[in-house]
Amino acid sequence: SCAEALSSAALLLGRRTDEWFGARWPSRTGEWADRLNDMPKYAVSSTLQDPAWTNVTVLKGDVVDEVTRLKQELDGDIVVYASYQLGRTLLEHDLVDELRLFVFPVVVGAGERLFGETGVEKPFRHAGSRTVGDGLVYVTYEIVSGDA
């Protein structure tokens, strides 16, 4: 959302998400588009040479090490948009503090799962929800750490 983008320090992406946003957002205008286009972005990829979007730094090292370093260096939220494989890796390695999910009132019957196979249970705590528009639900979950 626009408010989320305005209050975040950076955007973290996978290669395919960089390509998708890079093909669609640079030509857009307005407060949300301006913020997304200008904000620092980090694309995790071992193959990406020429990022499609603006203001992108490619992280070619180990994703866990790179994101751990970013979390220590950046002051503010690091948001991941639509990079499911990256999101699963971050969850698996306890690098996610909160999940913010939009639930669409449509059953598609096929497609990529948000949560893939995981070696360990990851408990969440409901932190809030609200309806957006006509039936879209925005749900926030906090990650429950092992020592909570």
C-alpha atoms as a PDB file:
ATOM      1  CA  SER A   1       0.000   0.000   0.000  1.00  0.00           C
ATOM      2  CA  CYS A   2       1.012   3.627  -0.330  1.00  0.00           C
ATOM      3  CA  ALA A   3       1.214   4.171   3.448  1.00  0.00           C
ATOM      4  CA  GLU A   4       3.400   1.086   3.808  1.00  0.00           C
ATOM      5  CA  ALA A   5       5.749   2.278   1.072  1.00  0.00           C
ATOM      6  CA  LEU A   6       5.974   5.779   2.512  1.00  0.00           C
ATOM      7  CA  SER A   7       6.987   4.446   5.928  1.00  0.00           C
ATOM      8  CA  SER A   8       9.438   1.740   4.780  1.00  0.00           C
ATOM      9  CA  ALA A   9      13.199   2.021   4.506  1.00  0.00           C
ATOM     10  CA  ALA A  10      13.688  -0.326   1.558  1.00  0.00           C
ATOM     11  CA  LEU A  11      12.125  -2.902  -0.724  1.00  0.00           C
ATOM     12  CA  LEU A  12      13.581  -6.409  -1.019  1.00  0.00           C
ATOM     13  CA  LEU A  13      12.933  -8.310  -4.253  1.00  0.00           C
ATOM     14  CA  GLY A  14      13.706 -11.440  -6.164  1.00  0.00           C
ATOM     15  CA  ARG A  15      14.881 -11.255  -9.784  1.00  0.00           C
ATOM     16  CA  ARG A  16      11.469 -11.943 -11.349  1.00  0.00           C
ATOM     17  CA  THR A  17       9.758  -9.357  -9.137  1.00  0.00           C
ATOM     18  CA  ASP A  18      12.353  -6.760 -10.168  1.00  0.00           C
ATOM     19  CA  GLU A  19      11.584  -7.546 -13.810  1.00  0.00           C
ATOM     20  CA  TRP A  20       7.801  -7.354 -13.266  1.00  0.00           C
ATOM     21  CA  PHE A  21       7.848  -4.046 -11.343  1.00  0.00           C
ATOM     22  CA  GLY A  22      10.594  -2.601 -13.555  1.00  0.00           C
ATOM     23  CA  ALA A  23       8.407  -3.093 -16.634  1.00  0.00           C
ATOM     24  CA  ARG A  24       5.383  -1.383 -15.054  1.00  0.00           C
ATOM     25  CA  TRP A  25       6.260   1.214 -12.404  1.00  0.00           C
ATOM     26  CA  PRO A  26       8.916   3.635 -13.757  1.00  0.00           C
ATOM     27  CA  SER A  27       6.363   5.353 -16.012  1.00  0.00           C
ATOM     28  CA  ARG A  28       3.754   5.743 -13.252  1.00  0.00           C
ATOM     29  CA  THR A  29       3.304   8.957 -11.300  1.00  0.00           C
ATOM     30  CA  GLY A  30       1.734   9.965  -8.034  1.00  0.00           C
ATOM     31  CA  GLU A  31       2.805   9.719  -4.409  1.00  0.00           C
ATOM     32  CA  TRP A  32       2.889   5.901  -4.255  1.00  0.00           C
ATOM     33  CA  ALA A  33       4.646   5.445  -7.601  1.00  0.00           C
ATOM     34  CA  ASP A  34       7.151   8.198  -6.826  1.00  0.00           C
ATOM     35  CA  ARG A  35       8.016   6.570  -3.497  1.00  0.00           C
ATOM     36  CA  LEU A  36       8.358   3.058  -4.936  1.00  0.00           C
ATOM     37  CA  ASN A  37      10.478   4.280  -7.830  1.00  0.00           C
ATOM     38  CA  ASP A  38      12.745   6.391  -5.587  1.00  0.00           C
ATOM     39  CA  MET A  39      13.144   4.150  -2.545  1.00  0.00           C
ATOM     40  CA  PRO A  40      16.217   1.939  -2.137  1.00  0.00           C
ATOM     41  CA  LYS A  41      15.622  -1.552  -3.503  1.00  0.00           C
ATOM     42  CA  TYR A  42      17.676  -4.717  -3.073  1.00  0.00           C
ATOM     43  CA  ALA A  43      17.296  -7.594  -5.514  1.00  0.00           C
ATOM     44  CA  VAL A  44      18.503 -11.004  -4.383  1.00  0.00           C
ATOM     45  CA  SER A  45      19.885 -12.854  -7.412  1.00  0.00           C
ATOM     46  CA  SER A  46      22.959 -14.733  -8.523  1.00  0.00           C
ATOM     47  CA  THR A  47      22.226 -14.022 -12.201  1.00  0.00           C
ATOM     48  CA  LEU A  48      20.809 -10.483 -12.377  1.00  0.00           C
ATOM     49  CA  GLN A  49      23.235  -8.139 -14.157  1.00  0.00           C
ATOM     50  CA  ASP A  50      21.118  -5.155 -15.165  1.00  0.00           C
ATOM     51  CA  PRO A  51      18.168  -4.487 -12.829  1.00  0.00           C
ATOM     52  CA  ALA A  52      14.950  -3.499 -14.588  1.00  0.00           C
ATOM     53  CA  TRP A  53      13.709  -1.136 -11.881  1.00  0.00           C
ATOM     54  CA  THR A  54      15.244   2.076 -10.538  1.00  0.00           C
ATOM     55  CA  ASN A  55      17.601   2.455  -7.563  1.00  0.00           C
ATOM     56  CA  VAL A  56      18.274  -1.309  -7.261  1.00  0.00           C
ATOM     57  CA  THR A  57      21.327  -2.862  -5.627  1.00  0.00           C
ATOM     58  CA  VAL A  58      21.872  -6.517  -6.533  1.00  0.00           C
ATOM     59  CA  LEU A  59      22.714  -8.816  -3.624  1.00  0.00           C
ATOM     60  CA  LYS A  60      24.676 -11.751  -5.046  1.00  0.00           C
ATOM     61  CA  GLY A  61      25.905 -13.320  -1.811  1.00  0.00           C
ATOM     62  CA  ASP A  62      24.190 -15.748   0.525  1.00  0.00           C
ATOM     63  CA  VAL A  63      20.620 -14.458   0.993  1.00  0.00           C
ATOM     64  CA  VAL A  64      20.562 -15.120   4.749  1.00  0.00           C
ATOM     65  CA  ASP A  65      23.846 -13.270   5.301  1.00  0.00           C
ATOM     66  CA  GLU A  66      22.865 -10.384   3.011  1.00  0.00           C
ATOM     67  CA  VAL A  67      19.426  -9.834   4.581  1.00  0.00           C
ATOM     68  CA  THR A  68      20.816 -10.167   8.109  1.00  0.00           C
ATOM     69  CA  ARG A  69      23.312  -7.421   7.236  1.00  0.00           C
ATOM     70  CA  LEU A  70      20.579  -5.221   5.714  1.00  0.00           C
ATOM     71  CA  LYS A  71      18.396  -5.582   8.823  1.00  0.00           C
ATOM     72  CA  GLN A  72      21.328  -4.374  10.934  1.00  0.00           C
ATOM     73  CA  GLU A  73      22.250  -1.472   8.621  1.00  0.00           C
ATOM     74  CA  LEU A  74      18.837  -0.062   7.665  1.00  0.00           C
ATOM     75  CA  ASP A  75      16.666   1.919  10.036  1.00  0.00           C
ATOM     76  CA  GLY A  76      13.060   0.999   9.308  1.00  0.00           C
ATOM     77  CA  ASP A  77      10.973  -1.696   7.674  1.00  0.00           C
ATOM     78  CA  ILE A  78      12.266  -3.763   4.784  1.00  0.00           C
ATOM     79  CA  VAL A  79       9.247  -4.837   2.745  1.00  0.00           C
ATOM     80  CA  VAL A  80       9.047  -7.828   0.383  1.00  0.00           C
ATOM     81  CA  TYR A  81       6.452  -7.635  -2.413  1.00  0.00           C
ATOM     82  CA  ALA A  82       5.359 -10.824  -4.217  1.00  0.00           C
ATOM     83  CA  SER A  83       8.720 -12.620  -4.024  1.00  0.00           C
ATOM     84  CA  TYR A  84       7.375 -15.927  -2.708  1.00  0.00           C
ATOM     85  CA  GLN A  85      10.563 -17.989  -2.883  1.00  0.00           C
ATOM     86  CA  LEU A  86      12.498 -15.210  -1.164  1.00  0.00           C
ATOM     87  CA  GLY A  87       9.762 -14.855   1.463  1.00  0.00           C
ATOM     88  CA  ARG A  88       9.850 -18.572   2.229  1.00  0.00           C
ATOM     89  CA  THR A  89      13.633 -18.466   2.646  1.00  0.00           C
ATOM     90  CA  LEU A  90      13.388 -15.497   5.001  1.00  0.00           C
ATOM     91  CA  LEU A  91      10.686 -17.228   7.068  1.00  0.00           C
ATOM     92  CA  GLU A  92      12.713 -20.425   7.271  1.00  0.00           C
ATOM     93  CA  HIS A  93      15.699 -18.500   8.665  1.00  0.00           C
ATOM     94  CA  ASP A  94      13.745 -16.331  11.145  1.00  0.00           C
ATOM     95  CA  LEU A  95      14.335 -13.108   9.200  1.00  0.00           C
ATOM     96  CA  VAL A  96      10.648 -12.114   9.051  1.00  0.00           C
ATOM     97  CA  ASP A  97       9.091 -10.072  11.848  1.00  0.00           C
ATOM     98  CA  GLU A  98       5.609  -9.611  10.392  1.00  0.00           C
ATOM     99  CA  LEU A  99       3.413 -10.905   7.572  1.00  0.00           C
ATOM    100  CA  ARG A 100       1.076  -8.478   5.809  1.00  0.00           C
ATOM    101  CA  LEU A 101      -1.263 -10.343   3.506  1.00  0.00           C
ATOM    102  CA  PHE A 102      -4.036  -9.305   1.135  1.00  0.00           C
ATOM    103  CA  VAL A 103      -6.703 -11.996   0.857  1.00  0.00           C
ATOM    104  CA  PHE A 104      -8.712 -11.878  -2.356  1.00  0.00           C
ATOM    105  CA  PRO A 105     -12.226 -13.403  -2.327  1.00  0.00           C
ATOM    106  CA  VAL A 106     -11.448 -15.745  -5.237  1.00  0.00           C
ATOM    107  CA  VAL A 107     -10.515 -19.421  -5.322  1.00  0.00           C
ATOM    108  CA  VAL A 108      -8.181 -20.033  -8.253  1.00  0.00           C
ATOM    109  CA  GLY A 109      -7.636 -23.772  -7.787  1.00  0.00           C
ATOM    110  CA  ALA A 110      -4.027 -23.714  -8.969  1.00  0.00           C
ATOM    111  CA  GLY A 111      -0.872 -21.670  -8.752  1.00  0.00           C
ATOM    112  CA  GLU A 112       2.132 -21.210  -6.548  1.00  0.00           C
ATOM    113  CA  ARG A 113       1.701 -21.720  -2.798  1.00  0.00           C
ATOM    114  CA  LEU A 114       2.584 -18.857  -0.497  1.00  0.00           C
ATOM    115  CA  PHE A 115       4.103 -21.244   2.050  1.00  0.00           C
ATOM    116  CA  GLY A 116       6.070 -24.161   0.660  1.00  0.00           C
ATOM    117  CA  GLU A 117       7.497 -27.129   2.494  1.00  0.00           C
ATOM    118  CA  THR A 118       9.228 -26.093   5.688  1.00  0.00           C
ATOM    119  CA  GLY A 119      11.350 -27.982   8.157  1.00  0.00           C
ATOM    120  CA  VAL A 120       9.917 -26.334  11.246  1.00  0.00           C
ATOM    121  CA  GLU A 121       6.604 -24.928  12.472  1.00  0.00           C
ATOM    122  CA  LYS A 122       6.316 -21.131  12.404  1.00  0.00           C
ATOM    123  CA  PRO A 123       3.615 -19.788  14.735  1.00  0.00           C
ATOM    124  CA  PHE A 124       1.972 -16.412  14.005  1.00  0.00           C
ATOM    125  CA  ARG A 125      -0.110 -14.066  16.168  1.00  0.00           C
ATOM    126  CA  HIS A 126      -2.992 -12.116  14.603  1.00  0.00           C
ATOM    127  CA  ALA A 127      -2.120  -8.408  14.871  1.00  0.00           C
ATOM    128  CA  GLY A 128      -4.934  -6.842  12.880  1.00  0.00           C
ATOM    129  CA  SER A 129      -7.225  -6.984   9.881  1.00  0.00           C
ATOM    130  CA  ARG A 130      -9.402  -4.671   7.849  1.00  0.00           C
ATOM    131  CA  THR A 131     -11.567  -4.789   4.757  1.00  0.00           C
ATOM    132  CA  VAL A 132     -10.311  -2.900   1.723  1.00  0.00           C
ATOM    133  CA  GLY A 133     -12.693  -2.018  -1.077  1.00  0.00           C
ATOM    134  CA  ASP A 134     -15.319  -4.619  -1.923  1.00  0.00           C
ATOM    135  CA  GLY A 135     -14.324  -7.761  -0.033  1.00  0.00           C
ATOM    136  CA  LEU A 136     -10.516  -7.610  -0.080  1.00  0.00           C
ATOM    137  CA  VAL A 137      -9.073  -8.296   3.391  1.00  0.00           C
ATOM    138  CA  TYR A 138      -5.729  -7.002   4.658  1.00  0.00           C
ATOM    139  CA  VAL A 139      -4.427  -9.212   7.484  1.00  0.00           C
ATOM    140  CA  THR A 140      -1.348  -8.668   9.631  1.00  0.00           C
ATOM    141  CA  TYR A 141       0.383 -11.406  11.611  1.00  0.00           C
ATOM    142  CA  GLU A 142       3.335 -11.038  13.947  1.00  0.00           C
ATOM    143  CA  ILE A 143       5.858 -13.850  14.022  1.00  0.00           C
ATOM    144  CA  VAL A 144       5.960 -15.539  17.430  1.00  0.00           C
ATOM    145  CA  SER A 145       9.593 -16.086  18.299  1.00  0.00           C
ATOM    146  CA  GLY A 146      10.749 -19.256  20.015  1.00  0.00           C
ATOM    147  CA  ASP A 147      11.447 -17.385  23.254  1.00  0.00           C
ATOM    148  CA  ALA A 148       8.066 -15.590  23.429  1.00  0.00           C
END
